[in-house]
C-alpha cells in the first residue's frame, strides 16, 4: 500500500474531499474508515433512490441507466444535494463521482478541495465486486466498459487526482491511511 501526491493539501482548511476510482478499487471502504457519516455524499445513492421509487432492480445496469438519464438532463443535478452537506457540516466527503463536468464544477466552486484517487489491480477489483455485489465476469466486463467509454472516469476524472492511494494491501493498511487523512484534516 502506497500513497503518492501532495498530502499537504489535506489540512484544516479542506472543504471537499473527492474520492474517486474504478469500481472495486476501495474508495467506499476508505470512506467507511474515514468515519465521517455527516459529511458523506455517495454519488450513487440518489440514483438508487430513483431506482427504488420506480421499482427497478438495484444493480450496475440500472444505476448506469439512471445516471445517463439524469446527467443528460442536467450535468450538475447532484451538486445542490452535495452543497447542503457542505453548508451544514463544513466538509463534504464525496464518494464516487462519475462525471467530469460535475467534478470540474465542484473544484471551480470550492478552492479548498482535494481529489483522492484509489487504485487497485484488475483481479482485486473483480474479486471485491464479486464478494460485495455478486458481480459475475460479464457484469464486471460491462462495468469496466461503462467506466471507460461513457462516464469519463478512466480517461479524465482519474487524471484530476491530487493524491493517489495504491490499495493493494490489507484492510488494516487502508485504515491506517484513513487515520492519517483524518489527522491531517485536524491540523491548522
Foldseek 3Di string as FASTA:
>chain_A
DDKDFDLLLQAQLALEEEEAEAAQLCQVLLVVLLPDVLQEDEVQVVQVVVCVVVVHDDDPVSSLVSVCVVCVVPVQVCVVVNVVSCVVPVHHYYGHDQAPVNVVVVCVVGVSYAYEYGGEDPVSSVVSCCVPPVDDPVNSVVSVCCSPPPRCRPPHVVVPHRMYHYPPDDSVVSSVVSVVSSVRNHHD
